[in-house]
């Protein structure tokens, strides 16, 4: 029943599948805040966001999407990035919004970034998992990916799965499936909480802080009021049923055993009346 309802919603909204290709930021994105702190460079192939004591910066996709694979390469703020938050995420709008988050919480020099992930459905989140990376995310670009289909959401870093959030609607767990979302990215100051619980503040003598983005790909169902459902130019829709094979399950176990630093499903103090329903089910299938 849930799958048939989701299919009906897709038909009602009417989608156009977009081929996976690296798009120009001029064509794909709109700057949303920060003015000249957001700069599109190299003929639209690169985009940088800067943060100073007055403002951060951000951008959003021109299009809305309902399911797909979204890739972005990022190079994070080097040196003392304490207090800063760099983001790449999907979100709808409104009080009951859906959202799928990658957030990168800065740290003092020599200490690792925290990769913060979360999933919101119908306005409710509280599904955080956090990781330390196995490489320096400030030394070079790395690819961060969100795969979103009706069965699950997969977070990947350099094509290595780090998290899976499965559709457990049958058990009463809301899942993002009916609200189209845009792609967003931003750089902003959150030194009241971002670094070591807010104990380490932003050092504005190091400003401006700069994060770099490039090679945005969306192989996804693009929502348009008059568009029809068509096949993509390259017929590459593996994301629509993508899960984890044996190799993927081994990789995610390695990441979660070696590099996960927080999992809401292990936080019994936070949920004294019992862990959320989805925490009792398989994380990977």
C-alpha atoms as a PDB file:
ATOM      1  CA  UNK A   1       0.000   0.000   0.000  1.00  0.00           C
ATOM      2  CA  UNK A   2       2.780   2.437   0.929  1.00  0.00           C
ATOM      3  CA  UNK A   3       4.612   1.748  -2.324  1.00  0.00           C
ATOM      4  CA  UNK A   4       1.460   2.276  -4.398  1.00  0.00           C
ATOM      5  CA  UNK A   5       0.782   5.581  -2.648  1.00  0.00           C
ATOM      6  CA  UNK A   6       4.363   6.713  -3.305  1.00  0.00           C
ATOM      7  CA  UNK A   7       4.008   5.787  -6.987  1.00  0.00           C
ATOM      8  CA  UNK A   8       0.770   7.749  -7.210  1.00  0.00           C
ATOM      9  CA  UNK A   9       2.432  10.774  -5.682  1.00  0.00           C
ATOM     10  CA  UNK A  10       5.265  10.544  -8.197  1.00  0.00           C
ATOM     11  CA  UNK A  11       2.793  10.434 -11.055  1.00  0.00           C
ATOM     12  CA  UNK A  12       0.789  13.315  -9.620  1.00  0.00           C
ATOM     13  CA  UNK A  13       3.816  15.549  -9.213  1.00  0.00           C
ATOM     14  CA  UNK A  14       5.180  14.402 -12.583  1.00  0.00           C
ATOM     15  CA  UNK A  15       8.922  14.082 -12.834  1.00  0.00           C
ATOM     16  CA  UNK A  16      11.668  14.319 -15.402  1.00  0.00           C
ATOM     17  CA  UNK A  17      14.718  12.138 -14.877  1.00  0.00           C
ATOM     18  CA  UNK A  18      17.926  14.084 -15.313  1.00  0.00           C
ATOM     19  CA  UNK A  19      21.043  12.434 -16.711  1.00  0.00           C
ATOM     20  CA  UNK A  20      24.096  12.401 -14.487  1.00  0.00           C
ATOM     21  CA  UNK A  21      26.493  15.020 -15.725  1.00  0.00           C
ATOM     22  CA  UNK A  22      28.612  17.644 -14.050  1.00  0.00           C
ATOM     23  CA  UNK A  23      26.600  20.816 -14.423  1.00  0.00           C
ATOM     24  CA  UNK A  24      27.729  24.414 -14.378  1.00  0.00           C
ATOM     25  CA  UNK A  25      27.006  26.188 -11.114  1.00  0.00           C
ATOM     26  CA  UNK A  26      25.684  29.066 -13.229  1.00  0.00           C
ATOM     27  CA  UNK A  27      23.087  26.722 -14.730  1.00  0.00           C
ATOM     28  CA  UNK A  28      22.321  24.589 -11.692  1.00  0.00           C
ATOM     29  CA  UNK A  29      22.463  26.884  -8.652  1.00  0.00           C
ATOM     30  CA  UNK A  30      21.277  30.201  -7.249  1.00  0.00           C
ATOM     31  CA  UNK A  31      23.207  32.108  -4.578  1.00  0.00           C
ATOM     32  CA  UNK A  32      20.852  32.492  -1.607  1.00  0.00           C
ATOM     33  CA  UNK A  33      22.813  34.656   0.826  1.00  0.00           C
ATOM     34  CA  UNK A  34      26.225  36.132   1.456  1.00  0.00           C
ATOM     35  CA  UNK A  35      26.558  38.318  -1.631  1.00  0.00           C
ATOM     36  CA  UNK A  36      30.169  38.411  -2.814  1.00  0.00           C
ATOM     37  CA  UNK A  37      31.137  35.810  -0.216  1.00  0.00           C
ATOM     38  CA  UNK A  38      29.785  33.249  -2.706  1.00  0.00           C
ATOM     39  CA  UNK A  39      31.868  33.117  -5.877  1.00  0.00           C
ATOM     40  CA  UNK A  40      31.377  31.008  -9.000  1.00  0.00           C
ATOM     41  CA  UNK A  41      34.718  30.440 -10.702  1.00  0.00           C
ATOM     42  CA  UNK A  42      36.339  28.722 -13.685  1.00  0.00           C
ATOM     43  CA  UNK A  43      33.429  29.233 -16.040  1.00  0.00           C
ATOM     44  CA  UNK A  44      30.917  27.784 -13.607  1.00  0.00           C
ATOM     45  CA  UNK A  45      32.880  24.658 -12.658  1.00  0.00           C
ATOM     46  CA  UNK A  46      33.854  25.754  -9.120  1.00  0.00           C
ATOM     47  CA  UNK A  47      32.112  27.610  -6.310  1.00  0.00           C
ATOM     48  CA  UNK A  48      33.565  28.959  -3.079  1.00  0.00           C
ATOM     49  CA  UNK A  49      31.771  30.117   0.051  1.00  0.00           C
ATOM     50  CA  UNK A  50      33.370  32.465   2.572  1.00  0.00           C
ATOM     51  CA  UNK A  51      32.554  33.263   6.194  1.00  0.00           C
ATOM     52  CA  UNK A  52      33.550  36.413   8.044  1.00  0.00           C
ATOM     53  CA  UNK A  53      32.342  38.014  11.253  1.00  0.00           C
ATOM     54  CA  UNK A  54      29.442  39.630   9.416  1.00  0.00           C
ATOM     55  CA  UNK A  55      27.973  36.769   7.380  1.00  0.00           C
ATOM     56  CA  UNK A  56      28.389  33.373   5.848  1.00  0.00           C
ATOM     57  CA  UNK A  57      27.119  32.343   2.412  1.00  0.00           C
ATOM     58  CA  UNK A  58      25.017  29.722   0.693  1.00  0.00           C
ATOM     59  CA  UNK A  59      23.409  28.464  -2.499  1.00  0.00           C
ATOM     60  CA  UNK A  60      20.553  26.229  -3.609  1.00  0.00           C
ATOM     61  CA  UNK A  61      19.625  24.272  -6.705  1.00  0.00           C
ATOM     62  CA  UNK A  62      17.347  25.853  -9.254  1.00  0.00           C
ATOM     63  CA  UNK A  63      15.462  22.561  -9.503  1.00  0.00           C
ATOM     64  CA  UNK A  64      13.515  20.444  -7.062  1.00  0.00           C
ATOM     65  CA  UNK A  65      13.904  16.671  -7.041  1.00  0.00           C
ATOM     66  CA  UNK A  66      11.983  13.630  -5.833  1.00  0.00           C
ATOM     67  CA  UNK A  67      14.501  10.778  -5.414  1.00  0.00           C
ATOM     68  CA  UNK A  68      17.901  10.481  -7.041  1.00  0.00           C
ATOM     69  CA  UNK A  69      21.641  10.418  -6.556  1.00  0.00           C
ATOM     70  CA  UNK A  70      23.384  13.672  -5.653  1.00  0.00           C
ATOM     71  CA  UNK A  71      27.177  14.060  -5.711  1.00  0.00           C
ATOM     72  CA  UNK A  72      29.248  17.052  -4.664  1.00  0.00           C
ATOM     73  CA  UNK A  73      32.988  17.435  -4.271  1.00  0.00           C
ATOM     74  CA  UNK A  74      34.069  19.547  -1.294  1.00  0.00           C
ATOM     75  CA  UNK A  75      37.336  20.812   0.129  1.00  0.00           C
ATOM     76  CA  UNK A  76      36.838  22.043   3.673  1.00  0.00           C
ATOM     77  CA  UNK A  77      38.335  24.972   5.583  1.00  0.00           C
ATOM     78  CA  UNK A  78      41.984  24.306   6.471  1.00  0.00           C
ATOM     79  CA  UNK A  79      43.673  25.126   9.757  1.00  0.00           C
ATOM     80  CA  UNK A  80      41.616  26.442  12.646  1.00  0.00           C
ATOM     81  CA  UNK A  81      38.009  25.925  11.513  1.00  0.00           C
ATOM     82  CA  UNK A  82      36.520  25.861  15.027  1.00  0.00           C
ATOM     83  CA  UNK A  83      32.976  27.207  15.220  1.00  0.00           C
ATOM     84  CA  UNK A  84      32.270  26.864  11.499  1.00  0.00           C
ATOM     85  CA  UNK A  85      29.732  24.596   9.815  1.00  0.00           C
ATOM     86  CA  UNK A  86      29.963  23.677   6.120  1.00  0.00           C
ATOM     87  CA  UNK A  87      26.942  21.907   4.632  1.00  0.00           C
ATOM     88  CA  UNK A  88      25.633  19.901   1.686  1.00  0.00           C
ATOM     89  CA  UNK A  89      22.054  18.709   2.050  1.00  0.00           C
ATOM     90  CA  UNK A  90      18.594  18.208   0.565  1.00  0.00           C
ATOM     91  CA  UNK A  91      15.536  19.899   2.008  1.00  0.00           C
ATOM     92  CA  UNK A  92      11.922  20.743   1.314  1.00  0.00           C
ATOM     93  CA  UNK A  93      10.244  23.772   2.860  1.00  0.00           C
ATOM     94  CA  UNK A  94       7.685  24.362   5.597  1.00  0.00           C
ATOM     95  CA  UNK A  95       7.070  23.268   9.182  1.00  0.00           C
ATOM     96  CA  UNK A  96       6.652  19.621   8.200  1.00  0.00           C
ATOM     97  CA  UNK A  97       9.684  19.592   5.955  1.00  0.00           C
ATOM     98  CA  UNK A  98      11.894  16.667   4.935  1.00  0.00           C
ATOM     99  CA  UNK A  99      15.685  16.958   5.011  1.00  0.00           C
ATOM    100  CA  UNK A 100      18.785  14.803   4.416  1.00  0.00           C
ATOM    101  CA  UNK A 101      21.952  16.325   5.887  1.00  0.00           C
ATOM    102  CA  UNK A 102      25.692  16.295   5.522  1.00  0.00           C
ATOM    103  CA  UNK A 103      27.156  18.881   7.927  1.00  0.00           C
ATOM    104  CA  UNK A 104      30.883  19.320   8.539  1.00  0.00           C
ATOM    105  CA  UNK A 105      31.668  20.716  11.984  1.00  0.00           C
ATOM    106  CA  UNK A 106      35.002  22.513  12.170  1.00  0.00           C
ATOM    107  CA  UNK A 107      37.617  22.105  14.871  1.00  0.00           C
ATOM    108  CA  UNK A 108      40.757  23.689  16.253  1.00  0.00           C
ATOM    109  CA  UNK A 109      44.008  23.132  14.396  1.00  0.00           C
ATOM    110  CA  UNK A 110      45.178  19.533  14.597  1.00  0.00           C
ATOM    111  CA  UNK A 111      41.817  18.140  15.672  1.00  0.00           C
ATOM    112  CA  UNK A 112      39.500  16.320  13.249  1.00  0.00           C
ATOM    113  CA  UNK A 113      36.363  17.552  11.569  1.00  0.00           C
ATOM    114  CA  UNK A 114      33.112  15.914  12.664  1.00  0.00           C
ATOM    115  CA  UNK A 115      30.812  14.757   9.859  1.00  0.00           C
ATOM    116  CA  UNK A 116      27.264  15.145  11.158  1.00  0.00           C
ATOM    117  CA  UNK A 117      24.419  13.334   9.347  1.00  0.00           C
ATOM    118  CA  UNK A 118      20.708  13.524  10.023  1.00  0.00           C
ATOM    119  CA  UNK A 119      17.382  12.660   8.387  1.00  0.00           C
ATOM    120  CA  UNK A 120      14.181  14.660   8.887  1.00  0.00           C
ATOM    121  CA  UNK A 121      10.745  13.479   7.855  1.00  0.00           C
ATOM    122  CA  UNK A 122       7.578  15.521   8.351  1.00  0.00           C
ATOM    123  CA  UNK A 123       9.542  18.059  10.376  1.00  0.00           C
ATOM    124  CA  UNK A 124      11.074  15.601  12.833  1.00  0.00           C
ATOM    125  CA  UNK A 125      14.771  14.734  12.915  1.00  0.00           C
ATOM    126  CA  UNK A 126      16.686  13.472  15.966  1.00  0.00           C
ATOM    127  CA  UNK A 127      18.370  10.734  13.900  1.00  0.00           C
ATOM    128  CA  UNK A 128      21.973  11.876  14.137  1.00  0.00           C
ATOM    129  CA  UNK A 129      25.051   9.841  13.337  1.00  0.00           C
ATOM    130  CA  UNK A 130      28.508  11.432  13.469  1.00  0.00           C
ATOM    131  CA  UNK A 131      31.876  10.365  12.114  1.00  0.00           C
ATOM    132  CA  UNK A 132      35.533  11.328  12.045  1.00  0.00           C
ATOM    133  CA  UNK A 133      37.055  10.989   8.594  1.00  0.00           C
ATOM    134  CA  UNK A 134      39.921   8.670   7.680  1.00  0.00           C
ATOM    135  CA  UNK A 135      41.612  11.398   5.594  1.00  0.00           C
ATOM    136  CA  UNK A 136      42.288  15.128   5.742  1.00  0.00           C
ATOM    137  CA  UNK A 137      39.209  16.768   4.124  1.00  0.00           C
ATOM    138  CA  UNK A 138      41.036  20.095   3.800  1.00  0.00           C
ATOM    139  CA  UNK A 139      43.979  18.867   1.706  1.00  0.00           C
ATOM    140  CA  UNK A 140      42.055  17.877  -1.423  1.00  0.00           C
ATOM    141  CA  UNK A 141      38.556  17.517  -2.838  1.00  0.00           C
ATOM    142  CA  UNK A 142      36.505  14.481  -1.809  1.00  0.00           C
ATOM    143  CA  UNK A 143      33.109  13.341  -3.099  1.00  0.00           C
ATOM    144  CA  UNK A 144      30.095  13.326  -0.784  1.00  0.00           C
ATOM    145  CA  UNK A 145      26.976  11.552  -2.049  1.00  0.00           C
ATOM    146  CA  UNK A 146      23.343  11.206  -1.046  1.00  0.00           C
ATOM    147  CA  UNK A 147      21.362   8.370  -2.650  1.00  0.00           C
ATOM    148  CA  UNK A 148      17.630   8.753  -1.984  1.00  0.00           C
ATOM    149  CA  UNK A 149      15.121   6.229  -3.254  1.00  0.00           C
ATOM    150  CA  UNK A 150      11.780   4.903  -1.956  1.00  0.00           C
ATOM    151  CA  UNK A 151      13.490   2.063  -0.084  1.00  0.00           C
ATOM    152  CA  UNK A 152      16.364   3.832   1.660  1.00  0.00           C
ATOM    153  CA  UNK A 153      18.770   6.751   1.970  1.00  0.00           C
ATOM    154  CA  UNK A 154      22.501   6.054   1.633  1.00  0.00           C
ATOM    155  CA  UNK A 155      25.253   8.476   2.628  1.00  0.00           C
ATOM    156  CA  UNK A 156      28.573   7.857   0.849  1.00  0.00           C
ATOM    157  CA  UNK A 157      32.028   9.441   1.028  1.00  0.00           C
ATOM    158  CA  UNK A 158      34.287   8.754  -1.957  1.00  0.00           C
ATOM    159  CA  UNK A 159      31.748   6.072  -2.882  1.00  0.00           C
ATOM    160  CA  UNK A 160      32.204   4.321   0.482  1.00  0.00           C
ATOM    161  CA  UNK A 161      28.872   3.952   2.313  1.00  0.00           C
ATOM    162  CA  UNK A 162      28.949   5.427   5.803  1.00  0.00           C
ATOM    163  CA  UNK A 163      25.254   5.312   6.701  1.00  0.00           C
ATOM    164  CA  UNK A 164      21.981   3.764   5.555  1.00  0.00           C
ATOM    165  CA  UNK A 165      18.543   4.960   6.695  1.00  0.00           C
ATOM    166  CA  UNK A 166      15.948   2.429   5.601  1.00  0.00           C
ATOM    167  CA  UNK A 167      12.263   2.996   4.891  1.00  0.00           C
ATOM    168  CA  UNK A 168      10.527   1.552   7.958  1.00  0.00           C
ATOM    169  CA  UNK A 169       7.120   3.083   7.343  1.00  0.00           C
ATOM    170  CA  UNK A 170       5.560  -0.344   7.916  1.00  0.00           C
ATOM    171  CA  UNK A 171       6.746  -0.026  11.522  1.00  0.00           C
ATOM    172  CA  UNK A 172       5.396   3.526  11.838  1.00  0.00           C
ATOM    173  CA  UNK A 173       8.652   5.397  11.136  1.00  0.00           C
ATOM    174  CA  UNK A 174       8.146   8.404   8.817  1.00  0.00           C
ATOM    175  CA  UNK A 175      10.277   8.386   5.659  1.00  0.00           C
ATOM    176  CA  UNK A 176      10.899  11.228   3.154  1.00  0.00           C
ATOM    177  CA  UNK A 177       9.030  10.158   0.028  1.00  0.00           C
ATOM    178  CA  UNK A 178       6.442  12.729  -1.048  1.00  0.00           C
ATOM    179  CA  UNK A 179       7.980  16.207  -0.708  1.00  0.00           C
ATOM    180  CA  UNK A 180      10.300  17.380  -3.492  1.00  0.00           C
ATOM    181  CA  UNK A 181      13.584  18.764  -2.192  1.00  0.00           C
ATOM    182  CA  UNK A 182      16.209  21.180  -3.420  1.00  0.00           C
ATOM    183  CA  UNK A 183      19.955  20.793  -2.986  1.00  0.00           C
ATOM    184  CA  UNK A 184      21.466  23.287  -0.544  1.00  0.00           C
ATOM    185  CA  UNK A 185      24.962  24.198   0.596  1.00  0.00           C
ATOM    186  CA  UNK A 186      26.149  26.788   3.079  1.00  0.00           C
ATOM    187  CA  UNK A 187      28.945  27.994   5.315  1.00  0.00           C
ATOM    188  CA  UNK A 188      28.008  29.662   8.588  1.00  0.00           C
ATOM    189  CA  UNK A 189      29.081  30.353  12.157  1.00  0.00           C
ATOM    190  CA  UNK A 190      27.728  28.068  14.885  1.00  0.00           C
ATOM    191  CA  UNK A 191      30.294  28.484  17.630  1.00  0.00           C
ATOM    192  CA  UNK A 192      27.582  28.225  20.275  1.00  0.00           C
ATOM    193  CA  UNK A 193      27.466  24.445  19.649  1.00  0.00           C
ATOM    194  CA  UNK A 194      29.506  23.208  16.673  1.00  0.00           C
ATOM    195  CA  UNK A 195      32.955  22.607  18.196  1.00  0.00           C
ATOM    196  CA  UNK A 196      33.325  20.598  21.396  1.00  0.00           C
ATOM    197  CA  UNK A 197      29.815  21.533  22.471  1.00  0.00           C
ATOM    198  CA  UNK A 198      30.454  25.242  22.019  1.00  0.00           C
ATOM    199  CA  UNK A 199      33.508  25.361  24.274  1.00  0.00           C
ATOM    200  CA  UNK A 200      35.799  26.384  21.403  1.00  0.00           C
ATOM    201  CA  UNK A 201      34.786  29.592  19.662  1.00  0.00           C
ATOM    202  CA  UNK A 202      35.471  30.933  16.189  1.00  0.00           C
ATOM    203  CA  UNK A 203      38.792  32.773  15.912  1.00  0.00           C
ATOM    204  CA  UNK A 204      37.822  35.721  13.753  1.00  0.00           C
ATOM    205  CA  UNK A 205      41.453  36.753  13.325  1.00  0.00           C
ATOM    206  CA  UNK A 206      41.639  33.802  10.867  1.00  0.00           C
ATOM    207  CA  UNK A 207      38.696  35.070   8.778  1.00  0.00           C
ATOM    208  CA  UNK A 208      37.649  34.871   6.045  1.00  0.00           C
ATOM    209  CA  UNK A 209      37.156  31.114   6.156  1.00  0.00           C
ATOM    210  CA  UNK A 210      36.647  29.490   2.749  1.00  0.00           C
ATOM    211  CA  UNK A 211      35.101  26.169   1.666  1.00  0.00           C
ATOM    212  CA  UNK A 212      35.221  25.005  -1.953  1.00  0.00           C
ATOM    213  CA  UNK A 213      32.683  23.057  -4.024  1.00  0.00           C
ATOM    214  CA  UNK A 214      32.910  21.509  -7.480  1.00  0.00           C
ATOM    215  CA  UNK A 215      31.546  18.754  -9.763  1.00  0.00           C
ATOM    216  CA  UNK A 216      27.909  18.759  -8.671  1.00  0.00           C
ATOM    217  CA  UNK A 217      26.041  15.841 -10.262  1.00  0.00           C
ATOM    218  CA  UNK A 218      22.321  15.148 -10.010  1.00  0.00           C
ATOM    219  CA  UNK A 219      21.041  11.913 -11.540  1.00  0.00           C
ATOM    220  CA  UNK A 220      17.552  12.391 -10.224  1.00  0.00           C
ATOM    221  CA  UNK A 221      13.844  12.874 -10.755  1.00  0.00           C
ATOM    222  CA  UNK A 222      13.499  16.579 -11.473  1.00  0.00           C
ATOM    223  CA  UNK A 223      10.094  17.961 -10.536  1.00  0.00           C
ATOM    224  CA  UNK A 224       8.365  20.276 -12.994  1.00  0.00           C
ATOM    225  CA  UNK A 225       4.719  21.278 -13.184  1.00  0.00           C
ATOM    226  CA  UNK A 226       4.404  20.352 -16.866  1.00  0.00           C
ATOM    227  CA  UNK A 227       7.062  17.659 -17.224  1.00  0.00           C
ATOM    228  CA  UNK A 228       6.419  13.999 -17.903  1.00  0.00           C
ATOM    229  CA  UNK A 229       8.174  10.901 -16.641  1.00  0.00           C
ATOM    230  CA  UNK A 230      10.846   9.949 -19.177  1.00  0.00           C
ATOM    231  CA  UNK A 231      13.979   7.832 -19.156  1.00  0.00           C
ATOM    232  CA  UNK A 232      17.307   9.551 -18.626  1.00  0.00           C
ATOM    233  CA  UNK A 233      19.638  10.119 -21.543  1.00  0.00           C
ATOM    234  CA  UNK A 234      22.049   7.455 -20.291  1.00  0.00           C
ATOM    235  CA  UNK A 235      19.409   5.166 -18.715  1.00  0.00           C
ATOM    236  CA  UNK A 236      21.586   5.068 -15.591  1.00  0.00           C
ATOM    237  CA  UNK A 237      19.000   4.750 -12.838  1.00  0.00           C
ATOM    238  CA  UNK A 238      20.845   2.331 -10.568  1.00  0.00           C
ATOM    239  CA  UNK A 239      20.147   4.684  -7.663  1.00  0.00           C
ATOM    240  CA  UNK A 240      16.389   3.946  -7.894  1.00  0.00           C
ATOM    241  CA  UNK A 241      16.847   0.535  -6.275  1.00  0.00           C
ATOM    242  CA  UNK A 242      20.370   0.933  -4.881  1.00  0.00           C
ATOM    243  CA  UNK A 243      21.210  -0.888  -1.683  1.00  0.00           C
ATOM    244  CA  UNK A 244      24.372  -2.447  -0.303  1.00  0.00           C
ATOM    245  CA  UNK A 245      26.004  -5.552  -1.687  1.00  0.00           C
ATOM    246  CA  UNK A 246      28.350  -7.716   0.399  1.00  0.00           C
ATOM    247  CA  UNK A 247      31.314  -5.423  -0.285  1.00  0.00           C
ATOM    248  CA  UNK A 248      29.251  -2.386   0.658  1.00  0.00           C
ATOM    249  CA  UNK A 249      28.157  -3.995   3.925  1.00  0.00           C
ATOM    250  CA  UNK A 250      31.769  -4.776   4.768  1.00  0.00           C
ATOM    251  CA  UNK A 251      32.783  -1.195   4.058  1.00  0.00           C
ATOM    252  CA  UNK A 252      30.030   0.360   6.140  1.00  0.00           C
ATOM    253  CA  UNK A 253      30.838  -1.944   9.051  1.00  0.00           C
ATOM    254  CA  UNK A 254      34.458  -0.795   8.841  1.00  0.00           C
ATOM    255  CA  UNK A 255      33.429   2.868   8.838  1.00  0.00           C
ATOM    256  CA  UNK A 256      30.965   2.483  11.685  1.00  0.00           C
ATOM    257  CA  UNK A 257      33.305   0.356  13.800  1.00  0.00           C
ATOM    258  CA  UNK A 258      36.394   2.535  13.296  1.00  0.00           C
ATOM    259  CA  UNK A 259      35.139   6.051  12.589  1.00  0.00           C
ATOM    260  CA  UNK A 260      31.639   6.548  14.044  1.00  0.00           C
ATOM    261  CA  UNK A 261      31.716   8.744  17.148  1.00  0.00           C
ATOM    262  CA  UNK A 262      27.965   9.096  17.827  1.00  0.00           C
ATOM    263  CA  UNK A 263      24.893   7.048  16.957  1.00  0.00           C
ATOM    264  CA  UNK A 264      21.457   8.020  18.230  1.00  0.00           C
ATOM    265  CA  UNK A 265      20.559   4.341  18.193  1.00  0.00           C
ATOM    266  CA  UNK A 266      23.082   3.740  20.995  1.00  0.00           C
ATOM    267  CA  UNK A 267      22.026   6.709  23.144  1.00  0.00           C
ATOM    268  CA  UNK A 268      19.903   5.115  25.868  1.00  0.00           C
ATOM    269  CA  UNK A 269      20.203   8.180  28.095  1.00  0.00           C
ATOM    270  CA  UNK A 270      18.574  10.267  25.387  1.00  0.00           C
ATOM    271  CA  UNK A 271      15.774   7.729  24.930  1.00  0.00           C
ATOM    272  CA  UNK A 272      15.084   6.415  28.462  1.00  0.00           C
ATOM    273  CA  UNK A 273      11.728   4.962  27.426  1.00  0.00           C
ATOM    274  CA  UNK A 274      13.246   2.856  24.672  1.00  0.00           C
ATOM    275  CA  UNK A 275      15.255   3.391  21.518  1.00  0.00           C
ATOM    276  CA  UNK A 276      13.459   4.442  18.304  1.00  0.00           C
ATOM    277  CA  UNK A 277      11.800   1.573  16.436  1.00  0.00           C
ATOM    278  CA  UNK A 278      14.187   1.671  13.491  1.00  0.00           C
ATOM    279  CA  UNK A 279      17.141   1.087  15.818  1.00  0.00           C
ATOM    280  CA  UNK A 280      16.009  -2.497  16.420  1.00  0.00           C
ATOM    281  CA  UNK A 281      16.084  -3.329  12.706  1.00  0.00           C
ATOM    282  CA  UNK A 282      18.894  -4.036  10.281  1.00  0.00           C
ATOM    283  CA  UNK A 283      20.958  -0.931   9.521  1.00  0.00           C
ATOM    284  CA  UNK A 284      22.402  -2.133   6.238  1.00  0.00           C
ATOM    285  CA  UNK A 285      19.877  -4.171   4.209  1.00  0.00           C
END
